[in-house]
Amino acid sequence: MRRELAPPRPMQRDILAELARVESSTYPVTVCIRTFREMAEVRVDMPAIQATYRQVLTRHAAERPGALYFLATASPEAFAAPDCLGVPFTIIGRSIGNEAAPENLHVLTRCREYVLGFSSRHW
């Protein structure tokens, strides 16, 4: 049953490259940040979101030397500044469409830890 429910291994070249980066890391950590870009009526305080994650991730990194952070977000443009989260990170999951969701999920499951925001996307 576990094998039948497991997300499929990626076939898309860009997602395979992300998988290779995650799997070659000693201690990969997924960071999922939803910015509600798809909901025009929701106002997002991006500086507050970044400040909160910066506080959490710098504490996390201090406790786990060697951790590498992989950011999954539907709004990569909001995280263009390399120091915005307080730790070096690589953006993954740029193929956000529903057709790529199972392959992206496979990549995320290869991480050792997850920092998830409170939202439906991360359940």
PDB file of N, CA and C in Angstrom:
ATOM      1  N   MET A   1       0.820  -1.176   0.000  1.00  0.00           N
ATOM      2  CA  MET A   1       0.000   0.000   0.000  1.00  0.00           C
ATOM      3  C   MET A   1       0.878   1.259   0.000  1.00  0.00           C
ATOM      4  N   ARG A   2       1.951   1.249   0.788  1.00  0.00           N
ATOM      5  CA  ARG A   2       2.833   2.410   0.840  1.00  0.00           C
ATOM      6  C   ARG A   2       3.404   2.714  -0.536  1.00  0.00           C
ATOM      7  N   ARG A   3       3.814   1.672  -1.259  1.00  0.00           N
ATOM      8  CA  ARG A   3       4.399   1.865  -2.581  1.00  0.00           C
ATOM      9  C   ARG A   3       3.360   2.442  -3.543  1.00  0.00           C
ATOM     10  N   GLU A   4       2.109   1.989  -3.440  1.00  0.00           N
ATOM     11  CA  GLU A   4       1.055   2.478  -4.327  1.00  0.00           C
ATOM     12  C   GLU A   4       0.714   3.943  -4.066  1.00  0.00           C
ATOM     13  N   LEU A   5       0.871   4.392  -2.832  1.00  0.00           N
ATOM     14  CA  LEU A   5       0.533   5.767  -2.474  1.00  0.00           C
ATOM     15  C   LEU A   5       1.722   6.725  -2.559  1.00  0.00           C
ATOM     16  N   ALA A   6       2.907   6.181  -2.765  1.00  0.00           N
ATOM     17  CA  ALA A   6       4.101   7.029  -2.830  1.00  0.00           C
ATOM     18  C   ALA A   6       4.053   7.922  -4.063  1.00  0.00           C
ATOM     19  N   PRO A   7       4.474   9.185  -3.926  1.00  0.00           N
ATOM     20  CA  PRO A   7       4.522  10.060  -5.100  1.00  0.00           C
ATOM     21  C   PRO A   7       5.507   9.506  -6.124  1.00  0.00           C
ATOM     22  N   PRO A   8       5.208   9.647  -7.400  1.00  0.00           N
ATOM     23  CA  PRO A   8       6.082   9.087  -8.435  1.00  0.00           C
ATOM     24  C   PRO A   8       7.419   9.825  -8.531  1.00  0.00           C
ATOM     25  N   ARG A   9       8.444   9.080  -8.901  1.00  0.00           N
ATOM     26  CA  ARG A   9       9.752   9.687  -9.142  1.00  0.00           C
ATOM     27  C   ARG A   9       9.619  10.653 -10.322  1.00  0.00           C
ATOM     28  N   PRO A  10      10.250  11.809 -10.227  1.00  0.00           N
ATOM     29  CA  PRO A  10      10.124  12.813 -11.297  1.00  0.00           C
ATOM     30  C   PRO A  10      10.622  12.313 -12.642  1.00  0.00           C
ATOM     31  N   MET A  11      10.007  12.826 -13.686  1.00  0.00           N
ATOM     32  CA  MET A  11      10.430  12.561 -15.052  1.00  0.00           C
ATOM     33  C   MET A  11      10.882  13.851 -15.735  1.00  0.00           C
ATOM     34  N   GLN A  12      10.383  15.006 -15.264  1.00  0.00           N
ATOM     35  CA  GLN A  12      10.754  16.286 -15.865  1.00  0.00           C
ATOM     36  C   GLN A  12      12.199  16.620 -15.510  1.00  0.00           C
ATOM     37  N   ARG A  13      12.935  17.115 -16.486  1.00  0.00           N
ATOM     38  CA  ARG A  13      14.358  17.395 -16.299  1.00  0.00           C
ATOM     39  C   ARG A  13      14.629  18.374 -15.154  1.00  0.00           C
ATOM     40  N   ASP A  14      13.848  19.459 -15.066  1.00  0.00           N
ATOM     41  CA  ASP A  14      14.095  20.454 -14.019  1.00  0.00           C
ATOM     42  C   ASP A  14      13.807  19.891 -12.629  1.00  0.00           C
ATOM     43  N   ILE A  15      12.789  19.061 -12.533  1.00  0.00           N
ATOM     44  CA  ILE A  15      12.462  18.471 -11.227  1.00  0.00           C
ATOM     45  C   ILE A  15      13.484  17.393 -10.868  1.00  0.00           C
ATOM     46  N   LEU A  16      13.976  16.664 -11.844  1.00  0.00           N
ATOM     47  CA  LEU A  16      15.040  15.682 -11.595  1.00  0.00           C
ATOM     48  C   LEU A  16      16.297  16.365 -11.075  1.00  0.00           C
ATOM     49  N   ALA A  17      16.601  17.550 -11.612  1.00  0.00           N
ATOM     50  CA  ALA A  17      17.776  18.301 -11.144  1.00  0.00           C
ATOM     51  C   ALA A  17      17.588  18.714  -9.686  1.00  0.00           C
ATOM     52  N   GLU A  18      16.375  19.135  -9.330  1.00  0.00           N
ATOM     53  CA  GLU A  18      16.098  19.493  -7.936  1.00  0.00           C
ATOM     54  C   GLU A  18      16.242  18.273  -7.031  1.00  0.00           C
ATOM     55  N   LEU A  19      15.729  17.137  -7.488  1.00  0.00           N
ATOM     56  CA  LEU A  19      15.844  15.904  -6.717  1.00  0.00           C
ATOM     57  C   LEU A  19      17.306  15.549  -6.488  1.00  0.00           C
ATOM     58  N   ALA A  20      18.124  15.696  -7.505  1.00  0.00           N
ATOM     59  CA  ALA A  20      19.558  15.390  -7.370  1.00  0.00           C
ATOM     60  C   ALA A  20      20.217  16.287  -6.328  1.00  0.00           C
ATOM     61  N   ARG A  21      19.866  17.588  -6.321  1.00  0.00           N
ATOM     62  CA  ARG A  21      20.424  18.501  -5.317  1.00  0.00           C
ATOM     63  C   ARG A  21      20.008  18.094  -3.909  1.00  0.00           C
ATOM     64  N   VAL A  22      18.745  17.735  -3.745  1.00  0.00           N
ATOM     65  CA  VAL A  22      18.263  17.319  -2.424  1.00  0.00           C
ATOM     66  C   VAL A  22      18.955  16.036  -1.987  1.00  0.00           C
ATOM     67  N   GLU A  23      18.992  15.041  -2.867  1.00  0.00           N
ATOM     68  CA  GLU A  23      19.556  13.742  -2.499  1.00  0.00           C
ATOM     69  C   GLU A  23      21.055  13.786  -2.290  1.00  0.00           C
ATOM     70  N   SER A  24      21.750  14.767  -2.869  1.00  0.00           N
ATOM     71  CA  SER A  24      23.194  14.861  -2.661  1.00  0.00           C
ATOM     72  C   SER A  24      23.538  15.642  -1.390  1.00  0.00           C
ATOM     73  N   SER A  25      22.548  16.205  -0.735  1.00  0.00           N
ATOM     74  CA  SER A  25      22.763  16.965   0.497  1.00  0.00           C
ATOM     75  C   SER A  25      22.844  16.034   1.694  1.00  0.00           C
ATOM     76  N   THR A  26      23.700  16.390   2.635  1.00  0.00           N
ATOM     77  CA  THR A  26      23.838  15.585   3.847  1.00  0.00           C
ATOM     78  C   THR A  26      22.615  15.705   4.736  1.00  0.00           C
ATOM     79  N   TYR A  27      22.085  16.918   4.866  1.00  0.00           N
ATOM     80  CA  TYR A  27      20.950  17.145   5.747  1.00  0.00           C
ATOM     81  C   TYR A  27      19.989  18.145   5.082  1.00  0.00           C
ATOM     82  N   PRO A  28      19.183  17.660   4.109  1.00  0.00           N
ATOM     83  CA  PRO A  28      18.270  18.561   3.415  1.00  0.00           C
ATOM     84  C   PRO A  28      17.016  18.853   4.239  1.00  0.00           C
ATOM     85  N   VAL A  29      16.598  20.100   4.200  1.00  0.00           N
ATOM     86  CA  VAL A  29      15.406  20.551   4.927  1.00  0.00           C
ATOM     87  C   VAL A  29      14.510  21.305   3.949  1.00  0.00           C
ATOM     88  N   THR A  30      13.249  20.909   3.874  1.00  0.00           N
ATOM     89  CA  THR A  30      12.277  21.628   3.056  1.00  0.00           C
ATOM     90  C   THR A  30      11.665  22.748   3.873  1.00  0.00           C
ATOM     91  N   VAL A  31      11.561  23.915   3.264  1.00  0.00           N
ATOM     92  CA  VAL A  31      10.870  25.055   3.862  1.00  0.00           C
ATOM     93  C   VAL A  31       9.748  25.424   2.896  1.00  0.00           C
ATOM     94  N   CYS A  32       8.507  25.295   3.343  1.00  0.00           N
ATOM     95  CA  CYS A  32       7.358  25.629   2.498  1.00  0.00           C
ATOM     96  C   CYS A  32       6.756  26.939   2.981  1.00  0.00           C
ATOM     97  N   ILE A  33       6.636  27.888   2.072  1.00  0.00           N
ATOM     98  CA  ILE A  33       6.058  29.180   2.422  1.00  0.00           C
ATOM     99  C   ILE A  33       4.975  29.520   1.403  1.00  0.00           C
ATOM    100  N   ARG A  34       3.781  29.633   1.895  1.00  0.00           N
ATOM    101  CA  ARG A  34       2.653  30.027   1.050  1.00  0.00           C
ATOM    102  C   ARG A  34       2.442  31.522   1.200  1.00  0.00           C
ATOM    103  N   THR A  35       2.309  32.208   0.080  1.00  0.00           N
ATOM    104  CA  THR A  35       2.118  33.655   0.116  1.00  0.00           C
ATOM    105  C   THR A  35       0.726  34.061  -0.341  1.00  0.00           C
ATOM    106  N   PHE A  36      -0.154  33.098  -0.552  1.00  0.00           N
ATOM    107  CA  PHE A  36      -1.543  33.358  -0.933  1.00  0.00           C
ATOM    108  C   PHE A  36      -1.643  34.182  -2.210  1.00  0.00           C
ATOM    109  N   ARG A  37      -0.704  33.985  -3.107  1.00  0.00           N
ATOM    110  CA  ARG A  37      -0.704  34.712  -4.369  1.00  0.00           C
ATOM    111  C   ARG A  37      -1.978  34.455  -5.160  1.00  0.00           C
ATOM    112  N   GLU A  38      -2.558  33.266  -4.986  1.00  0.00           N
ATOM    113  CA  GLU A  38      -3.737  32.903  -5.764  1.00  0.00           C
ATOM    114  C   GLU A  38      -5.031  33.513  -5.219  1.00  0.00           C
ATOM    115  N   MET A  39      -4.941  34.237  -4.105  1.00  0.00           N
ATOM    116  CA  MET A  39      -6.125  34.830  -3.494  1.00  0.00           C
ATOM    117  C   MET A  39      -5.941  36.352  -3.443  1.00  0.00           C
ATOM    118  N   ALA A  40      -6.470  37.044  -4.445  1.00  0.00           N
ATOM    119  CA  ALA A  40      -6.243  38.483  -4.575  1.00  0.00           C
ATOM    120  C   ALA A  40      -6.748  39.267  -3.364  1.00  0.00           C
ATOM    121  N   GLU A  41      -7.785  38.772  -2.700  1.00  0.00           N
ATOM    122  CA  GLU A  41      -8.353  39.508  -1.568  1.00  0.00           C
ATOM    123  C   GLU A  41      -7.522  39.408  -0.292  1.00  0.00           C
ATOM    124  N   VAL A  42      -6.546  38.518  -0.272  1.00  0.00           N
ATOM    125  CA  VAL A  42      -5.694  38.358   0.908  1.00  0.00           C
ATOM    126  C   VAL A  42      -4.473  39.245   0.766  1.00  0.00           C
ATOM    127  N   ARG A  43      -4.254  40.103   1.725  1.00  0.00           N
ATOM    128  CA  ARG A  43      -3.078  40.977   1.741  1.00  0.00           C
ATOM    129  C   ARG A  43      -1.960  40.281   2.495  1.00  0.00           C
ATOM    130  N   VAL A  44      -0.799  40.224   1.882  1.00  0.00           N
ATOM    131  CA  VAL A  44       0.340  39.521   2.468  1.00  0.00           C
ATOM    132  C   VAL A  44       1.364  40.532   2.964  1.00  0.00           C
ATOM    133  N   ASP A  45       1.776  40.377   4.198  1.00  0.00           N
ATOM    134  CA  ASP A  45       2.836  41.217   4.763  1.00  0.00           C
ATOM    135  C   ASP A  45       4.150  40.449   4.599  1.00  0.00           C
ATOM    136  N   MET A  46       4.743  40.554   3.401  1.00  0.00           N
ATOM    137  CA  MET A  46       5.937  39.773   3.091  1.00  0.00           C
ATOM    138  C   MET A  46       7.089  40.050   4.044  1.00  0.00           C
ATOM    139  N   PRO A  47       7.361  41.293   4.432  1.00  0.00           N
ATOM    140  CA  PRO A  47       8.440  41.505   5.402  1.00  0.00           C
ATOM    141  C   PRO A  47       8.194  40.767   6.725  1.00  0.00           C
ATOM    142  N   ALA A  48       6.951  40.701   7.155  1.00  0.00           N
ATOM    143  CA  ALA A  48       6.642  39.984   8.399  1.00  0.00           C
ATOM    144  C   ALA A  48       6.817  38.479   8.221  1.00  0.00           C
ATOM    145  N   ILE A  49       6.395  37.964   7.079  1.00  0.00           N
ATOM    146  CA  ILE A  49       6.578  36.533   6.802  1.00  0.00           C
ATOM    147  C   ILE A  49       8.064  36.195   6.788  1.00  0.00           C
ATOM    148  N   GLN A  50       8.850  36.991   6.080  1.00  0.00           N
ATOM    149  CA  GLN A  50      10.284  36.730   5.998  1.00  0.00           C
ATOM    150  C   GLN A  50      10.945  36.857   7.362  1.00  0.00           C
ATOM    151  N   ALA A  51      10.552  37.830   8.156  1.00  0.00           N
ATOM    152  CA  ALA A  51      11.145  38.009   9.488  1.00  0.00           C
ATOM    153  C   ALA A  51      10.841  36.815  10.384  1.00  0.00           C
ATOM    154  N   THR A  52       9.631  36.309  10.304  1.00  0.00           N
ATOM    155  CA  THR A  52       9.258  35.149  11.122  1.00  0.00           C
ATOM    156  C   THR A  52      10.060  33.921  10.712  1.00  0.00           C
ATOM    157  N   TYR A  53      10.125  33.657   9.410  1.00  0.00           N
ATOM    158  CA  TYR A  53      10.899  32.510   8.940  1.00  0.00           C
ATOM    159  C   TYR A  53      12.385  32.693   9.227  1.00  0.00           C
ATOM    160  N   ARG A  54      12.886  33.915   9.100  1.00  0.00           N
ATOM    161  CA  ARG A  54      14.303  34.174   9.404  1.00  0.00           C
ATOM    162  C   ARG A  54      14.605  33.790  10.853  1.00  0.00           C
ATOM    163  N   GLN A  55      13.725  34.159  11.760  1.00  0.00           N
ATOM    164  CA  GLN A  55      13.925  33.824  13.175  1.00  0.00           C
ATOM    165  C   GLN A  55      13.910  32.308  13.382  1.00  0.00           C
ATOM    166  N   VAL A  56      12.949  31.629  12.796  1.00  0.00           N
ATOM    167  CA  VAL A  56      12.836  30.171  12.948  1.00  0.00           C
ATOM    168  C   VAL A  56      14.031  29.470  12.304  1.00  0.00           C
ATOM    169  N   LEU A  57      14.388  29.876  11.095  1.00  0.00           N
ATOM    170  CA  LEU A  57      15.439  29.164  10.360  1.00  0.00           C
ATOM    171  C   LEU A  57      16.831  29.423  10.914  1.00  0.00           C
ATOM    172  N   THR A  58      17.105  30.618  11.395  1.00  0.00           N
ATOM    173  CA  THR A  58      18.437  30.845  11.969  1.00  0.00           C
ATOM    174  C   THR A  58      18.604  30.025  13.244  1.00  0.00           C
ATOM    175  N   ARG A  59      17.547  29.893  14.024  1.00  0.00           N
ATOM    176  CA  ARG A  59      17.603  29.045  15.214  1.00  0.00           C
ATOM    177  C   ARG A  59      17.771  27.577  14.803  1.00  0.00           C
ATOM    178  N   HIS A  60      17.030  27.168  13.805  1.00  0.00           N
ATOM    179  CA  HIS A  60      17.109  25.796  13.306  1.00  0.00           C
ATOM    180  C   HIS A  60      18.519  25.491  12.803  1.00  0.00           C
ATOM    181  N   ALA A  61      19.086  26.399  12.010  1.00  0.00           N
ATOM    182  CA  ALA A  61      20.424  26.187  11.445  1.00  0.00           C
ATOM    183  C   ALA A  61      21.494  26.118  12.532  1.00  0.00           C
ATOM    184  N   ALA A  62      21.337  26.888  13.598  1.00  0.00           N
ATOM    185  CA  ALA A  62      22.308  26.856  14.694  1.00  0.00           C
ATOM    186  C   ALA A  62      22.309  25.501  15.384  1.00  0.00           C
ATOM    187  N   GLU A  63      21.172  24.830  15.394  1.00  0.00           N
ATOM    188  CA  GLU A  63      21.054  23.519  16.042  1.00  0.00           C
ATOM    189  C   GLU A  63      21.408  22.367  15.111  1.00  0.00           C
ATOM    190  N   ARG A  64      21.500  22.628  13.814  1.00  0.00           N
ATOM    191  CA  ARG A  64      21.772  21.584  12.834  1.00  0.00           C
ATOM    192  C   ARG A  64      22.832  22.046  11.837  1.00  0.00           C
ATOM    193  N   PRO A  65      24.089  22.081  12.275  1.00  0.00           N
ATOM    194  CA  PRO A  65      25.150  22.492  11.342  1.00  0.00           C
ATOM    195  C   PRO A  65      25.154  21.576  10.115  1.00  0.00           C
ATOM    196  N   GLY A  66      25.333  22.154   8.981  1.00  0.00           N
ATOM    197  CA  GLY A  66      25.365  21.361   7.752  1.00  0.00           C
ATOM    198  C   GLY A  66      24.017  21.204   7.076  1.00  0.00           C
ATOM    199  N   ALA A  67      22.950  21.700   7.691  1.00  0.00           N
ATOM    200  CA  ALA A  67      21.632  21.613   7.057  1.00  0.00           C
ATOM    201  C   ALA A  67      21.604  22.505   5.819  1.00  0.00           C
ATOM    202  N   LEU A  68      20.993  22.007   4.776  1.00  0.00           N
ATOM    203  CA  LEU A  68      20.776  22.791   3.561  1.00  0.00           C
ATOM    204  C   LEU A  68      19.275  22.969   3.387  1.00  0.00           C
ATOM    205  N   TYR A  69      18.877  24.179   3.050  1.00  0.00           N
ATOM    206  CA  TYR A  69      17.462  24.528   3.015  1.00  0.00           C
ATOM    207  C   TYR A  69      16.974  24.649   1.579  1.00  0.00           C
ATOM    208  N   PHE A  70      15.821  24.024   1.316  1.00  0.00           N
ATOM    209  CA  PHE A  70      15.190  24.019   0.008  1.00  0.00           C
ATOM    210  C   PHE A  70      13.814  24.636   0.150  1.00  0.00           C
ATOM    211  N   LEU A  71      13.608  25.771  -0.489  1.00  0.00           N
ATOM    212  CA  LEU A  71      12.368  26.535  -0.363  1.00  0.00           C
ATOM    213  C   LEU A  71      11.382  26.139  -1.445  1.00  0.00           C
ATOM    214  N   ALA A  72      10.199  25.725  -1.028  1.00  0.00           N
ATOM    215  CA  ALA A  72       9.096  25.440  -1.944  1.00  0.00           C
ATOM    216  C   ALA A  72       8.064  26.544  -1.770  1.00  0.00           C
ATOM    217  N   THR A  73       7.815  27.278  -2.831  1.00  0.00           N
ATOM    218  CA  THR A  73       6.874  28.393  -2.778  1.00  0.00           C
ATOM    219  C   THR A  73       6.313  28.647  -4.172  1.00  0.00           C
ATOM    220  N   ALA A  74       5.090  29.136  -4.212  1.00  0.00           N
ATOM    221  CA  ALA A  74       4.489  29.513  -5.486  1.00  0.00           C
ATOM    222  C   ALA A  74       4.879  30.932  -5.877  1.00  0.00           C
ATOM    223  N   SER A  75       5.635  31.609  -5.010  1.00  0.00           N
ATOM    224  CA  SER A  75       6.037  32.995  -5.256  1.00  0.00           C
ATOM    225  C   SER A  75       7.550  33.156  -5.129  1.00  0.00           C
ATOM    226  N   PRO A  76       8.330  32.515  -5.987  1.00  0.00           N
ATOM    227  CA  PRO A  76       9.785  32.614  -5.851  1.00  0.00           C
ATOM    228  C   PRO A  76      10.316  34.034  -5.968  1.00  0.00           C
ATOM    229  N   GLU A  77       9.602  34.890  -6.695  1.00  0.00           N
ATOM    230  CA  GLU A  77      10.060  36.272  -6.863  1.00  0.00           C
ATOM    231  C   GLU A  77      10.089  37.026  -5.525  1.00  0.00           C
ATOM    232  N   ALA A  78       9.302  36.586  -4.558  1.00  0.00           N
ATOM    233  CA  ALA A  78       9.270  37.238  -3.244  1.00  0.00           C
ATOM    234  C   ALA A  78      10.517  36.923  -2.418  1.00  0.00           C
ATOM    235  N   PHE A  79      11.308  35.959  -2.865  1.00  0.00           N
ATOM    236  CA  PHE A  79      12.479  35.512  -2.111  1.00  0.00           C
ATOM    237  C   PHE A  79      13.757  35.668  -2.931  1.00  0.00           C
ATOM    238  N   ALA A  80      13.797  36.728  -3.741  1.00  0.00           N
ATOM    239  CA  ALA A  80      14.943  36.965  -4.619  1.00  0.00           C
ATOM    240  C   ALA A  80      16.193  37.380  -3.850  1.00  0.00           C
ATOM    241  N   ALA A  81      16.029  38.056  -2.708  1.00  0.00           N
ATOM    242  CA  ALA A  81      17.191  38.471  -1.914  1.00  0.00           C
ATOM    243  C   ALA A  81      17.773  37.246  -1.223  1.00  0.00           C
ATOM    244  N   PRO A  82      19.047  36.929  -1.456  1.00  0.00           N
ATOM    245  CA  PRO A  82      19.620  35.691  -0.928  1.00  0.00           C
ATOM    246  C   PRO A  82      19.660  35.609   0.598  1.00  0.00           C
ATOM    247  N   ASP A  83      19.588  36.734   1.279  1.00  0.00           N
ATOM    248  CA  ASP A  83      19.650  36.709   2.744  1.00  0.00           C
ATOM    249  C   ASP A  83      18.288  36.929   3.408  1.00  0.00           C
ATOM    250  N   CYS A  84      17.212  36.901   2.632  1.00  0.00           N
ATOM    251  CA  CYS A  84      15.894  37.240   3.171  1.00  0.00           C
ATOM    252  C   CYS A  84      15.399  36.260   4.234  1.00  0.00           C
ATOM    253  N   LEU A  85      15.893  35.038   4.251  1.00  0.00           N
ATOM    254  CA  LEU A  85      15.453  34.063   5.242  1.00  0.00           C
ATOM    255  C   LEU A  85      16.501  33.802   6.327  1.00  0.00           C
ATOM    256  N   GLY A  86      17.628  34.466   6.255  1.00  0.00           N
ATOM    257  CA  GLY A  86      18.647  34.319   7.291  1.00  0.00           C
ATOM    258  C   GLY A  86      19.554  33.116   7.121  1.00  0.00           C
ATOM    259  N   VAL A  87      19.251  32.246   6.174  1.00  0.00           N
ATOM    260  CA  VAL A  87      20.086  31.081   5.870  1.00  0.00           C
ATOM    261  C   VAL A  87      20.154  30.939   4.352  1.00  0.00           C
ATOM    262  N   PRO A  88      21.226  30.382   3.827  1.00  0.00           N
ATOM    263  CA  PRO A  88      21.264  30.118   2.380  1.00  0.00           C
ATOM    264  C   PRO A  88      20.190  29.089   2.022  1.00  0.00           C
ATOM    265  N   PHE A  89      19.540  29.277   0.890  1.00  0.00           N
ATOM    266  CA  PHE A  89      18.497  28.343   0.465  1.00  0.00           C
ATOM    267  C   PHE A  89      18.480  28.241  -1.050  1.00  0.00           C
ATOM    268  N   THR A  90      17.887  27.155  -1.523  1.00  0.00           N
ATOM    269  CA  THR A  90      17.686  26.928  -2.943  1.00  0.00           C
ATOM    270  C   THR A  90      16.187  26.815  -3.165  1.00  0.00           C
ATOM    271  N   ILE A  91      15.674  27.528  -4.143  1.00  0.00           N
ATOM    272  CA  ILE A  91      14.242  27.432  -4.450  1.00  0.00           C
ATOM    273  C   ILE A  91      14.012  26.189  -5.293  1.00  0.00           C
ATOM    274  N   ILE A  92      13.037  25.394  -4.886  1.00  0.00           N
ATOM    275  CA  ILE A  92      12.639  24.207  -5.648  1.00  0.00           C
ATOM    276  C   ILE A  92      11.136  24.296  -5.909  1.00  0.00           C
ATOM    277  N   GLY A  93      10.629  23.426  -6.755  1.00  0.00           N
ATOM    278  CA  GLY A  93       9.196  23.384  -7.011  1.00  0.00           C
ATOM    279  C   GLY A  93       8.712  24.512  -7.895  1.00  0.00           C
ATOM    280  N   ARG A  94       9.566  24.959  -8.824  1.00  0.00           N
ATOM    281  CA  ARG A  94       9.135  26.044  -9.714  1.00  0.00           C
ATOM    282  C   ARG A  94       8.040  25.584 -10.665  1.00  0.00           C
ATOM    283  N   SER A  95       7.924  24.277 -10.874  1.00  0.00           N
ATOM    284  CA  SER A  95       6.830  23.740 -11.688  1.00  0.00           C
ATOM    285  C   SER A  95       5.636  23.548 -10.760  1.00  0.00           C
ATOM    286  N   ILE A  96       4.943  24.630 -10.486  1.00  0.00           N
ATOM    287  CA  ILE A  96       3.924  24.642  -9.452  1.00  0.00           C
ATOM    288  C   ILE A  96       2.595  24.058  -9.909  1.00  0.00           C
ATOM    289  N   GLY A  97       2.351  23.967 -11.185  1.00  0.00           N
ATOM    290  CA  GLY A  97       1.054  23.498 -11.674  1.00  0.00           C
ATOM    291  C   GLY A  97       0.677  22.141 -11.104  1.00  0.00           C
ATOM    292  N   ASN A  98      -0.609  21.873 -11.085  1.00  0.00           N
ATOM    293  CA  ASN A  98      -1.111  20.622 -10.510  1.00  0.00           C
ATOM    294  C   ASN A  98      -0.533  19.390 -11.182  1.00  0.00           C
ATOM    295  N   GLU A  99      -0.218  19.493 -12.471  1.00  0.00           N
ATOM    296  CA  GLU A  99       0.319  18.324 -13.168  1.00  0.00           C
ATOM    297  C   GLU A  99       1.689  17.916 -12.621  1.00  0.00           C
ATOM    298  N   ALA A 100       2.435  18.849 -12.031  1.00  0.00           N
ATOM    299  CA  ALA A 100       3.754  18.541 -11.473  1.00  0.00           C
ATOM    300  C   ALA A 100       3.709  18.274  -9.972  1.00  0.00           C
ATOM    301  N   ALA A 101       2.548  18.418  -9.363  1.00  0.00           N
ATOM    302  CA  ALA A 101       2.444  18.284  -7.906  1.00  0.00           C
ATOM    303  C   ALA A 101       2.955  16.930  -7.386  1.00  0.00           C
ATOM    304  N   PRO A 102       2.599  15.798  -7.978  1.00  0.00           N
ATOM    305  CA  PRO A 102       3.112  14.521  -7.447  1.00  0.00           C
ATOM    306  C   PRO A 102       4.640  14.424  -7.514  1.00  0.00           C
ATOM    307  N   GLU A 103       5.244  14.921  -8.601  1.00  0.00           N
ATOM    308  CA  GLU A 103       6.694  14.870  -8.731  1.00  0.00           C
ATOM    309  C   GLU A 103       7.358  15.815  -7.730  1.00  0.00           C
ATOM    310  N   ASN A 104       6.782  17.010  -7.551  1.00  0.00           N
ATOM    311  CA  ASN A 104       7.316  17.939  -6.555  1.00  0.00           C
ATOM    312  C   ASN A 104       7.214  17.334  -5.158  1.00  0.00           C
ATOM    313  N   LEU A 105       6.110  16.667  -4.881  1.00  0.00           N
ATOM    314  CA  LEU A 105       5.941  16.030  -3.576  1.00  0.00           C
ATOM    315  C   LEU A 105       7.009  14.964  -3.353  1.00  0.00           C
ATOM    316  N   HIS A 106       7.355  14.227  -4.388  1.00  0.00           N
ATOM    317  CA  HIS A 106       8.424  13.230  -4.280  1.00  0.00           C
ATOM    318  C   HIS A 106       9.730  13.895  -3.835  1.00  0.00           C
ATOM    319  N   VAL A 107      10.063  15.031  -4.457  1.00  0.00           N
ATOM    320  CA  VAL A 107      11.288  15.752  -4.093  1.00  0.00           C
ATOM    321  C   VAL A 107      11.232  16.168  -2.627  1.00  0.00           C
ATOM    322  N   LEU A 108      10.109  16.731  -2.200  1.00  0.00           N
ATOM    323  CA  LEU A 108       9.979  17.191  -0.821  1.00  0.00           C
ATOM    324  C   LEU A 108      10.115  16.047   0.179  1.00  0.00           C
ATOM    325  N   THR A 109       9.611  14.875  -0.167  1.00  0.00           N
ATOM    326  CA  THR A 109       9.682  13.748   0.768  1.00  0.00           C
ATOM    327  C   THR A 109      11.097  13.223   0.952  1.00  0.00           C
ATOM    328  N   ARG A 110      12.019  13.632   0.088  1.00  0.00           N
ATOM    329  CA  ARG A 110      13.402  13.174   0.208  1.00  0.00           C
ATOM    330  C   ARG A 110      14.194  13.978   1.235  1.00  0.00           C
ATOM    331  N   CYS A 111      13.591  15.036   1.770  1.00  0.00           N
ATOM    332  CA  CYS A 111      14.260  15.830   2.805  1.00  0.00           C
ATOM    333  C   CYS A 111      14.137  15.138   4.158  1.00  0.00           C
ATOM    334  N   ARG A 112      14.989  15.530   5.078  1.00  0.00           N
ATOM    335  CA  ARG A 112      14.991  14.913   6.411  1.00  0.00           C
ATOM    336  C   ARG A 112      14.075  15.626   7.385  1.00  0.00           C
ATOM    337  N   GLU A 113      13.875  16.924   7.162  1.00  0.00           N
ATOM    338  CA  GLU A 113      12.995  17.705   8.031  1.00  0.00           C
ATOM    339  C   GLU A 113      12.205  18.678   7.175  1.00  0.00           C
ATOM    340  N   TYR A 114      11.120  19.204   7.779  1.00  0.00           N
ATOM    341  CA  TYR A 114      10.224  20.103   7.068  1.00  0.00           C
ATOM    342  C   TYR A 114       9.853  21.264   7.975  1.00  0.00           C
ATOM    343  N   VAL A 115       9.927  22.463   7.422  1.00  0.00           N
ATOM    344  CA  VAL A 115       9.433  23.657   8.100  1.00  0.00           C
ATOM    345  C   VAL A 115       8.241  24.092   7.284  1.00  0.00           C
ATOM    346  N   LEU A 116       7.051  23.904   7.834  1.00  0.00           N
ATOM    347  CA  LEU A 116       5.813  24.127   7.090  1.00  0.00           C
ATOM    348  C   LEU A 116       5.037  25.300   7.640  1.00  0.00           C
ATOM    349  N   GLY A 117       4.517  26.097   6.740  1.00  0.00           N
ATOM    350  CA  GLY A 117       3.630  27.176   7.143  1.00  0.00           C
ATOM    351  C   GLY A 117       2.235  26.640   7.367  1.00  0.00           C
ATOM    352  N   PHE A 118       1.444  27.399   8.060  1.00  0.00           N
ATOM    353  CA  PHE A 118       0.066  27.005   8.334  1.00  0.00           C
ATOM    354  C   PHE A 118      -0.780  27.352   7.127  1.00  0.00           C
ATOM    355  N   SER A 119      -1.054  26.359   6.302  1.00  0.00           N
ATOM    356  CA  SER A 119      -1.928  26.571   5.146  1.00  0.00           C
ATOM    357  C   SER A 119      -2.311  25.242   4.561  1.00  0.00           C
ATOM    358  N   SER A 120      -3.332  25.254   3.751  1.00  0.00           N
ATOM    359  CA  SER A 120      -3.845  24.011   3.180  1.00  0.00           C
ATOM    360  C   SER A 120      -2.832  23.342   2.252  1.00  0.00           C
ATOM    361  N   ARG A 121      -2.003  24.116   1.569  1.00  0.00           N
ATOM    362  CA  ARG A 121      -1.059  23.532   0.611  1.00  0.00           C
ATOM    363  C   ARG A 121      -0.088  22.578   1.298  1.00  0.00           C
ATOM    364  N   HIS A 122       0.217  22.819   2.528  1.00  0.00           N
ATOM    365  CA  HIS A 122       1.243  22.043   3.211  1.00  0.00           C
ATOM    366  C   HIS A 122       0.699  20.854   3.988  1.00  0.00           C
ATOM    367  N   TRP A 123      -0.581  20.658   3.991  1.00  0.00           N
ATOM    368  CA  TRP A 123      -1.120  19.477   4.668  1.00  0.00           C
ATOM    369  C   TRP A 123      -0.804  18.254   3.849  1.00  0.00           C
TER     370      TRP A 123
END
